[in-house]
Amino acid sequence: MSLRLWQLLLLVLAVLLSGFAVISVTQATRNVTTELQVAENRQWFLRDESSRLLLELSTYTRMDRVDQIGAEMGMLAASPTQIQVVPNE
């Protein structure tokens, strides 16, 4: 075979390998982009869920609600003389 033919075959092989490399990198980029979108959607869902749970927690811990439930259970507020502070160790 002549040198020209080897050069041509080498050039064709290089172009084919380069094309396959581009296809592979493009597919990998698409996969990573899809994973990113899924993670971002999950993040937004979790942020919304967290906000909803914080609102629910603040609703359940309102002092008037606690007082109302305590009164329904027959509980009374402690007088200042009954309150004891326990030191933190």
PDB file of N, CA and C in Angstrom:
ATOM      1  N   MET A   1       0.847  -1.179   0.000  1.00  0.00           N
ATOM      2  CA  MET A   1       0.000   0.000   0.000  1.00  0.00           C
ATOM      3  C   MET A   1       0.883   1.228   0.000  1.00  0.00           C
ATOM      4  N   SER A   2       0.355   2.218  -0.643  1.00  0.00           N
ATOM      5  CA  SER A   2       1.145   3.447  -0.727  1.00  0.00           C
ATOM      6  C   SER A   2       0.968   4.270   0.538  1.00  0.00           C
ATOM      7  N   LEU A   3       1.847   5.202   0.726  1.00  0.00           N
ATOM      8  CA  LEU A   3       1.815   6.091   1.881  1.00  0.00           C
ATOM      9  C   LEU A   3       0.547   6.934   1.876  1.00  0.00           C
ATOM     10  N   ARG A   4       0.109   7.343   0.715  1.00  0.00           N
ATOM     11  CA  ARG A   4      -1.119   8.138   0.581  1.00  0.00           C
ATOM     12  C   ARG A   4      -2.337   7.378   1.107  1.00  0.00           C
ATOM     13  N   LEU A   5      -2.425   6.098   0.780  1.00  0.00           N
ATOM     14  CA  LEU A   5      -3.555   5.280   1.225  1.00  0.00           C
ATOM     15  C   LEU A   5      -3.547   5.106   2.735  1.00  0.00           C
ATOM     16  N   TRP A   6      -2.375   4.875   3.332  1.00  0.00           N
ATOM     17  CA  TRP A   6      -2.270   4.768   4.798  1.00  0.00           C
ATOM     18  C   TRP A   6      -2.686   6.074   5.469  1.00  0.00           C
ATOM     19  N   GLN A   7      -2.266   7.179   4.908  1.00  0.00           N
ATOM     20  CA  GLN A   7      -2.633   8.479   5.473  1.00  0.00           C
ATOM     21  C   GLN A   7      -4.144   8.690   5.400  1.00  0.00           C
ATOM     22  N   LEU A   8      -4.733   8.315   4.286  1.00  0.00           N
ATOM     23  CA  LEU A   8      -6.174   8.452   4.115  1.00  0.00           C
ATOM     24  C   LEU A   8      -6.931   7.553   5.104  1.00  0.00           C
ATOM     25  N   LEU A   9      -6.504   6.302   5.254  1.00  0.00           N
ATOM     26  CA  LEU A   9      -7.138   5.393   6.202  1.00  0.00           C
ATOM     27  C   LEU A   9      -6.986   5.905   7.637  1.00  0.00           C
ATOM     28  N   LEU A  10      -5.819   6.417   7.957  1.00  0.00           N
ATOM     29  CA  LEU A  10      -5.593   6.968   9.295  1.00  0.00           C
ATOM     30  C   LEU A  10      -6.483   8.188   9.533  1.00  0.00           C
ATOM     31  N   LEU A  11      -6.650   9.020   8.531  1.00  0.00           N
ATOM     32  CA  LEU A  11      -7.506  10.194   8.640  1.00  0.00           C
ATOM     33  C   LEU A  11      -8.971   9.791   8.818  1.00  0.00           C
ATOM     34  N   VAL A  12      -9.431   8.804   8.063  1.00  0.00           N
ATOM     35  CA  VAL A  12     -10.811   8.327   8.186  1.00  0.00           C
ATOM     36  C   VAL A  12     -11.035   7.737   9.572  1.00  0.00           C
ATOM     37  N   LEU A  13     -10.093   6.962  10.061  1.00  0.00           N
ATOM     38  CA  LEU A  13     -10.200   6.379  11.400  1.00  0.00           C
ATOM     39  C   LEU A  13     -10.247   7.472  12.467  1.00  0.00           C
ATOM     40  N   ALA A  14      -9.419   8.483  12.335  1.00  0.00           N
ATOM     41  CA  ALA A  14      -9.397   9.590  13.295  1.00  0.00           C
ATOM     42  C   ALA A  14     -10.723  10.341  13.286  1.00  0.00           C
ATOM     43  N   VAL A  15     -11.293  10.554  12.107  1.00  0.00           N
ATOM     44  CA  VAL A  15     -12.578  11.256  12.014  1.00  0.00           C
ATOM     45  C   VAL A  15     -13.684  10.414  12.647  1.00  0.00           C
ATOM     46  N   LEU A  16     -13.693   9.127  12.385  1.00  0.00           N
ATOM     47  CA  LEU A  16     -14.701   8.250  12.978  1.00  0.00           C
ATOM     48  C   LEU A  16     -14.585   8.214  14.504  1.00  0.00           C
ATOM     49  N   LEU A  17     -13.376   8.064  15.016  1.00  0.00           N
ATOM     50  CA  LEU A  17     -13.179   8.043  16.466  1.00  0.00           C
ATOM     51  C   LEU A  17     -13.578   9.370  17.096  1.00  0.00           C
ATOM     52  N   SER A  18     -13.258  10.453  16.418  1.00  0.00           N
ATOM     53  CA  SER A  18     -13.643  11.776  16.917  1.00  0.00           C
ATOM     54  C   SER A  18     -15.166  11.913  16.951  1.00  0.00           C
ATOM     55  N   GLY A  19     -15.830  11.410  15.925  1.00  0.00           N
ATOM     56  CA  GLY A  19     -17.295  11.452  15.885  1.00  0.00           C
ATOM     57  C   GLY A  19     -17.916  10.642  17.012  1.00  0.00           C
ATOM     58  N   PHE A  20     -17.371   9.445  17.248  1.00  0.00           N
ATOM     59  CA  PHE A  20     -17.880   8.625  18.348  1.00  0.00           C
ATOM     60  C   PHE A  20     -17.634   9.289  19.701  1.00  0.00           C
ATOM     61  N   ALA A  21     -16.496   9.956  19.843  1.00  0.00           N
ATOM     62  CA  ALA A  21     -16.194  10.660  21.093  1.00  0.00           C
ATOM     63  C   ALA A  21     -17.186  11.799  21.318  1.00  0.00           C
ATOM     64  N   VAL A  22     -17.514  12.524  20.262  1.00  0.00           N
ATOM     65  CA  VAL A  22     -18.493  13.616  20.377  1.00  0.00           C
ATOM     66  C   VAL A  22     -19.856  13.060  20.773  1.00  0.00           C
ATOM     67  N   ILE A  23     -20.269  11.973  20.150  1.00  0.00           N
ATOM     68  CA  ILE A  23     -21.558  11.356  20.480  1.00  0.00           C
ATOM     69  C   ILE A  23     -21.573  10.905  21.938  1.00  0.00           C
ATOM     70  N   SER A  24     -20.499  10.301  22.378  1.00  0.00           N
ATOM     71  CA  SER A  24     -20.419   9.809  23.758  1.00  0.00           C
ATOM     72  C   SER A  24     -20.489  10.952  24.756  1.00  0.00           C
ATOM     73  N   VAL A  25     -19.748  12.015  24.511  1.00  0.00           N
ATOM     74  CA  VAL A  25     -19.751  13.159  25.424  1.00  0.00           C
ATOM     75  C   VAL A  25     -21.111  13.852  25.414  1.00  0.00           C
ATOM     76  N   THR A  26     -21.731  13.949  24.266  1.00  0.00           N
ATOM     77  CA  THR A  26     -23.058  14.564  24.179  1.00  0.00           C
ATOM     78  C   THR A  26     -24.081  13.766  24.976  1.00  0.00           C
ATOM     79  N   GLN A  27     -24.046  12.454  24.872  1.00  0.00           N
ATOM     80  CA  GLN A  27     -24.970  11.607  25.623  1.00  0.00           C
ATOM     81  C   GLN A  27     -24.726  11.712  27.120  1.00  0.00           C
ATOM     82  N   ALA A  28     -23.449  11.732  27.518  1.00  0.00           N
ATOM     83  CA  ALA A  28     -23.119  11.871  28.936  1.00  0.00           C
ATOM     84  C   ALA A  28     -23.615  13.213  29.478  1.00  0.00           C
ATOM     85  N   THR A  29     -23.484  14.260  28.677  1.00  0.00           N
ATOM     86  CA  THR A  29     -23.972  15.578  29.084  1.00  0.00           C
ATOM     87  C   THR A  29     -25.484  15.569  29.242  1.00  0.00           C
ATOM     88  N   ARG A  30     -26.178  14.918  28.328  1.00  0.00           N
ATOM     89  CA  ARG A  30     -27.640  14.817  28.440  1.00  0.00           C
ATOM     90  C   ARG A  30     -28.044  14.060  29.703  1.00  0.00           C
ATOM     91  N   ASN A  31     -27.334  12.977  29.988  1.00  0.00           N
ATOM     92  CA  ASN A  31     -27.648  12.199  31.195  1.00  0.00           C
ATOM     93  C   ASN A  31     -27.436  13.022  32.459  1.00  0.00           C
ATOM     94  N   VAL A  32     -26.335  13.739  32.517  1.00  0.00           N
ATOM     95  CA  VAL A  32     -26.039  14.557  33.696  1.00  0.00           C
ATOM     96  C   VAL A  32     -27.049  15.698  33.818  1.00  0.00           C
ATOM     97  N   THR A  33     -27.448  16.283  32.703  1.00  0.00           N
ATOM     98  CA  THR A  33     -28.441  17.351  32.726  1.00  0.00           C
ATOM     99  C   THR A  33     -29.781  16.827  33.240  1.00  0.00           C
ATOM    100  N   THR A  34     -30.150  15.631  32.816  1.00  0.00           N
ATOM    101  CA  THR A  34     -31.390  15.019  33.298  1.00  0.00           C
ATOM    102  C   THR A  34     -31.321  14.776  34.802  1.00  0.00           C
ATOM    103  N   GLU A  35     -30.192  14.256  35.283  1.00  0.00           N
ATOM    104  CA  GLU A  35     -30.015  14.037  36.720  1.00  0.00           C
ATOM    105  C   GLU A  35     -30.102  15.352  37.488  1.00  0.00           C
ATOM    106  N   LEU A  36     -29.527  16.405  36.937  1.00  0.00           N
ATOM    107  CA  LEU A  36     -29.577  17.720  37.578  1.00  0.00           C
ATOM    108  C   LEU A  36     -31.016  18.212  37.677  1.00  0.00           C
ATOM    109  N   GLN A  37     -31.784  18.063  36.615  1.00  0.00           N
ATOM    110  CA  GLN A  37     -33.176  18.502  36.637  1.00  0.00           C
ATOM    111  C   GLN A  37     -33.997  17.717  37.655  1.00  0.00           C
ATOM    112  N   VAL A  38     -33.756  16.427  37.755  1.00  0.00           N
ATOM    113  CA  VAL A  38     -34.460  15.606  38.748  1.00  0.00           C
ATOM    114  C   VAL A  38     -34.092  16.073  40.154  1.00  0.00           C
ATOM    115  N   ALA A  39     -32.812  16.327  40.391  1.00  0.00           N
ATOM    116  CA  ALA A  39     -32.371  16.778  41.710  1.00  0.00           C
ATOM    117  C   ALA A  39     -32.943  18.152  42.050  1.00  0.00           C
ATOM    118  N   GLU A  40     -33.012  19.046  41.070  1.00  0.00           N
ATOM    119  CA  GLU A  40     -33.586  20.377  41.315  1.00  0.00           C
ATOM    120  C   GLU A  40     -35.077  20.268  41.624  1.00  0.00           C
ATOM    121  N   ASN A  41     -35.788  19.411  40.906  1.00  0.00           N
ATOM    122  CA  ASN A  41     -37.215  19.207  41.196  1.00  0.00           C
ATOM    123  C   ASN A  41     -37.402  18.656  42.602  1.00  0.00           C
ATOM    124  N   ARG A  42     -36.560  17.720  42.983  1.00  0.00           N
ATOM    125  CA  ARG A  42     -36.626  17.148  44.341  1.00  0.00           C
ATOM    126  C   ARG A  42     -36.336  18.228  45.384  1.00  0.00           C
ATOM    127  N   GLN A  43     -35.369  19.084  45.093  1.00  0.00           N
ATOM    128  CA  GLN A  43     -35.020  20.169  46.012  1.00  0.00           C
ATOM    129  C   GLN A  43     -36.203  21.115  46.207  1.00  0.00           C
ATOM    130  N   TRP A  44     -36.870  21.489  45.122  1.00  0.00           N
ATOM    131  CA  TRP A  44     -38.029  22.376  45.229  1.00  0.00           C
ATOM    132  C   TRP A  44     -39.148  21.714  46.016  1.00  0.00           C
ATOM    133  N   PHE A  45     -39.369  20.414  45.767  1.00  0.00           N
ATOM    134  CA  PHE A  45     -40.398  19.694  46.510  1.00  0.00           C
ATOM    135  C   PHE A  45     -40.079  19.685  48.007  1.00  0.00           C
ATOM    136  N   LEU A  46     -38.822  19.395  48.339  1.00  0.00           N
ATOM    137  CA  LEU A  46     -38.428  19.337  49.747  1.00  0.00           C
ATOM    138  C   LEU A  46     -38.504  20.707  50.415  1.00  0.00           C
ATOM    139  N   ARG A  47     -38.169  21.765  49.684  1.00  0.00           N
ATOM    140  CA  ARG A  47     -38.302  23.116  50.248  1.00  0.00           C
ATOM    141  C   ARG A  47     -39.765  23.445  50.531  1.00  0.00           C
ATOM    142  N   ASP A  48     -40.637  23.099  49.597  1.00  0.00           N
ATOM    143  CA  ASP A  48     -42.068  23.338  49.814  1.00  0.00           C
ATOM    144  C   ASP A  48     -42.580  22.527  50.995  1.00  0.00           C
ATOM    145  N   GLU A  49     -42.165  21.272  51.071  1.00  0.00           N
ATOM    146  CA  GLU A  49     -42.579  20.407  52.176  1.00  0.00           C
ATOM    147  C   GLU A  49     -42.072  20.957  53.513  1.00  0.00           C
ATOM    148  N   SER A  50     -40.839  21.429  53.529  1.00  0.00           N
ATOM    149  CA  SER A  50     -40.272  22.003  54.752  1.00  0.00           C
ATOM    150  C   SER A  50     -41.046  23.236  55.181  1.00  0.00           C
ATOM    151  N   SER A  51     -41.375  24.099  54.235  1.00  0.00           N
ATOM    152  CA  SER A  51     -42.153  25.301  54.563  1.00  0.00           C
ATOM    153  C   SER A  51     -43.524  24.928  55.101  1.00  0.00           C
ATOM    154  N   ARG A  52     -44.152  23.947  54.492  1.00  0.00           N
ATOM    155  CA  ARG A  52     -45.467  23.508  54.944  1.00  0.00           C
ATOM    156  C   ARG A  52     -45.394  22.935  56.358  1.00  0.00           C
ATOM    157  N   LEU A  53     -44.348  22.141  56.627  1.00  0.00           N
ATOM    158  CA  LEU A  53     -44.202  21.547  57.950  1.00  0.00           C
ATOM    159  C   LEU A  53     -43.887  22.594  59.015  1.00  0.00           C
ATOM    160  N   LEU A  54     -43.089  23.597  58.662  1.00  0.00           N
ATOM    161  CA  LEU A  54     -42.809  24.684  59.613  1.00  0.00           C
ATOM    162  C   LEU A  54     -44.082  25.455  59.944  1.00  0.00           C
ATOM    163  N   LEU A  55     -44.907  25.688  58.949  1.00  0.00           N
ATOM    164  CA  LEU A  55     -46.172  26.367  59.183  1.00  0.00           C
ATOM    165  C   LEU A  55     -47.073  25.522  60.076  1.00  0.00           C
ATOM    166  N   GLU A  56     -47.112  24.227  59.812  1.00  0.00           N
ATOM    167  CA  GLU A  56     -47.925  23.326  60.626  1.00  0.00           C
ATOM    168  C   GLU A  56     -47.415  23.296  62.069  1.00  0.00           C
ATOM    169  N   LEU A  57     -46.099  23.265  62.234  1.00  0.00           N
ATOM    170  CA  LEU A  57     -45.509  23.261  63.573  1.00  0.00           C
ATOM    171  C   LEU A  57     -45.844  24.542  64.318  1.00  0.00           C
ATOM    172  N   SER A  58     -45.734  25.675  63.644  1.00  0.00           N
ATOM    173  CA  SER A  58     -46.049  26.936  64.311  1.00  0.00           C
ATOM    174  C   SER A  58     -47.531  27.009  64.672  1.00  0.00           C
ATOM    175  N   THR A  59     -48.372  26.381  63.860  1.00  0.00           N
ATOM    176  CA  THR A  59     -49.808  26.345  64.176  1.00  0.00           C
ATOM    177  C   THR A  59     -50.062  25.520  65.430  1.00  0.00           C
ATOM    178  N   TYR A  60     -49.406  24.362  65.526  1.00  0.00           N
ATOM    179  CA  TYR A  60     -49.633  23.478  66.674  1.00  0.00           C
ATOM    180  C   TYR A  60     -49.015  24.004  67.964  1.00  0.00           C
ATOM    181  N   THR A  61     -48.025  24.864  67.874  1.00  0.00           N
ATOM    182  CA  THR A  61     -47.354  25.341  69.084  1.00  0.00           C
ATOM    183  C   THR A  61     -47.771  26.754  69.475  1.00  0.00           C
ATOM    184  N   ARG A  62     -48.822  27.269  68.875  1.00  0.00           N
ATOM    185  CA  ARG A  62     -49.325  28.587  69.286  1.00  0.00           C
ATOM    186  C   ARG A  62     -49.745  28.513  70.743  1.00  0.00           C
ATOM    187  N   MET A  63     -49.420  29.544  71.521  1.00  0.00           N
ATOM    188  CA  MET A  63     -49.703  29.535  72.954  1.00  0.00           C
ATOM    189  C   MET A  63     -51.202  29.460  73.239  1.00  0.00           C
ATOM    190  N   ASP A  64     -52.020  30.164  72.466  1.00  0.00           N
ATOM    191  CA  ASP A  64     -53.458  30.100  72.729  1.00  0.00           C
ATOM    192  C   ASP A  64     -54.001  28.701  72.481  1.00  0.00           C
ATOM    193  N   ARG A  65     -53.447  28.000  71.499  1.00  0.00           N
ATOM    194  CA  ARG A  65     -53.878  26.623  71.234  1.00  0.00           C
ATOM    195  C   ARG A  65     -53.439  25.709  72.371  1.00  0.00           C
ATOM    196  N   VAL A  66     -52.194  25.894  72.826  1.00  0.00           N
ATOM    197  CA  VAL A  66     -51.698  25.083  73.943  1.00  0.00           C
ATOM    198  C   VAL A  66     -52.537  25.340  75.192  1.00  0.00           C
ATOM    199  N   ASP A  67     -52.851  26.613  75.461  1.00  0.00           N
ATOM    200  CA  ASP A  67     -53.689  26.955  76.613  1.00  0.00           C
ATOM    201  C   ASP A  67     -55.082  26.328  76.496  1.00  0.00           C
ATOM    202  N   GLN A  68     -55.643  26.366  75.299  1.00  0.00           N
ATOM    203  CA  GLN A  68     -56.978  25.805  75.078  1.00  0.00           C
ATOM    204  C   GLN A  68     -56.982  24.293  75.316  1.00  0.00           C
ATOM    205  N   ILE A  69     -56.004  23.597  74.778  1.00  0.00           N
ATOM    206  CA  ILE A  69     -55.950  22.145  74.959  1.00  0.00           C
ATOM    207  C   ILE A  69     -55.680  21.804  76.419  1.00  0.00           C
ATOM    208  N   GLY A  70     -54.826  22.583  77.067  1.00  0.00           N
ATOM    209  CA  GLY A  70     -54.561  22.364  78.488  1.00  0.00           C
ATOM    210  C   GLY A  70     -55.811  22.562  79.327  1.00  0.00           C
ATOM    211  N   ALA A  71     -56.609  23.577  79.007  1.00  0.00           N
ATOM    212  CA  ALA A  71     -57.851  23.821  79.739  1.00  0.00           C
ATOM    213  C   ALA A  71     -58.838  22.678  79.511  1.00  0.00           C
ATOM    214  N   GLU A  72     -58.889  22.152  78.282  1.00  0.00           N
ATOM    215  CA  GLU A  72     -59.772  21.018  77.989  1.00  0.00           C
ATOM    216  C   GLU A  72     -59.368  19.783  78.786  1.00  0.00           C
ATOM    217  N   MET A  73     -58.090  19.671  79.102  1.00  0.00           N
ATOM    218  CA  MET A  73     -57.593  18.519  79.859  1.00  0.00           C
ATOM    219  C   MET A  73     -57.605  18.777  81.366  1.00  0.00           C
ATOM    220  N   GLY A  74     -58.076  19.955  81.758  1.00  0.00           N
ATOM    221  CA  GLY A  74     -58.146  20.279  83.174  1.00  0.00           C
ATOM    222  C   GLY A  74     -56.823  20.738  83.758  1.00  0.00           C
ATOM    223  N   MET A  75     -55.923  21.189  82.933  1.00  0.00           N
ATOM    224  CA  MET A  75     -54.623  21.650  83.417  1.00  0.00           C
ATOM    225  C   MET A  75     -54.692  23.126  83.761  1.00  0.00           C
ATOM    226  N   LEU A  76     -53.878  23.547  84.710  1.00  0.00           N
ATOM    227  CA  LEU A  76     -53.806  24.941  85.119  1.00  0.00           C
ATOM    228  C   LEU A  76     -52.385  25.444  84.911  1.00  0.00           C
ATOM    229  N   ALA A  77     -52.264  26.733  84.684  1.00  0.00           N
ATOM    230  CA  ALA A  77     -50.939  27.328  84.532  1.00  0.00           C
ATOM    231  C   ALA A  77     -50.258  27.354  85.896  1.00  0.00           C
ATOM    232  N   ALA A  78     -48.959  27.127  85.902  1.00  0.00           N
ATOM    233  CA  ALA A  78     -48.205  27.134  87.154  1.00  0.00           C
ATOM    234  C   ALA A  78     -48.051  28.563  87.652  1.00  0.00           C
ATOM    235  N   SER A  79     -48.120  28.711  88.976  1.00  0.00           N
ATOM    236  CA  SER A  79     -47.887  30.033  89.568  1.00  0.00           C
ATOM    237  C   SER A  79     -46.381  30.278  89.596  1.00  0.00           C
ATOM    238  N   PRO A  80     -45.969  31.526  89.700  1.00  0.00           N
ATOM    239  CA  PRO A  80     -44.530  31.822  89.713  1.00  0.00           C
ATOM    240  C   PRO A  80     -43.779  31.105  90.838  1.00  0.00           C
ATOM    241  N   THR A  81     -44.437  30.827  91.949  1.00  0.00           N
ATOM    242  CA  THR A  81     -43.753  30.127  93.042  1.00  0.00           C
ATOM    243  C   THR A  81     -43.578  28.638  92.751  1.00  0.00           C
ATOM    244  N   GLN A  82     -44.358  28.107  91.839  1.00  0.00           N
ATOM    245  CA  GLN A  82     -44.245  26.690  91.490  1.00  0.00           C
ATOM    246  C   GLN A  82     -43.204  26.422  90.405  1.00  0.00           C
ATOM    247  N   ILE A  83     -42.741  27.463  89.778  1.00  0.00           N
ATOM    248  CA  ILE A  83     -41.781  27.305  88.679  1.00  0.00           C
ATOM    249  C   ILE A  83     -40.376  27.159  89.236  1.00  0.00           C
ATOM    250  N   GLN A  84     -39.669  26.133  88.812  1.00  0.00           N
ATOM    251  CA  GLN A  84     -38.283  25.912  89.242  1.00  0.00           C
ATOM    252  C   GLN A  84     -37.399  25.835  87.999  1.00  0.00           C
ATOM    253  N   VAL A  85     -36.276  26.518  88.077  1.00  0.00           N
ATOM    254  CA  VAL A  85     -35.315  26.491  86.980  1.00  0.00           C
ATOM    255  C   VAL A  85     -34.246  25.474  87.305  1.00  0.00           C
ATOM    256  N   VAL A  86     -34.048  24.537  86.408  1.00  0.00           N
ATOM    257  CA  VAL A  86     -33.043  23.486  86.607  1.00  0.00           C
ATOM    258  C   VAL A  86     -31.793  23.902  85.857  1.00  0.00           C
ATOM    259  N   PRO A  87     -30.655  23.970  86.544  1.00  0.00           N
ATOM    260  CA  PRO A  87     -29.424  24.393  85.865  1.00  0.00           C
ATOM    261  C   PRO A  87     -29.004  23.384  84.808  1.00  0.00           C
ATOM    262  N   ASN A  88     -28.450  23.909  83.749  1.00  0.00           N
ATOM    263  CA  ASN A  88     -27.977  23.071  82.637  1.00  0.00           C
ATOM    264  C   ASN A  88     -26.573  22.571  82.961  1.00  0.00           C
ATOM    265  N   GLU A  89     -26.391  21.266  82.916  1.00  0.00           N
ATOM    266  CA  GLU A  89     -25.069  20.716  83.238  1.00  0.00           C
ATOM    267  C   GLU A  89     -24.322  20.339  82.005  1.00  0.00           C
TER     268      GLU A  89
END
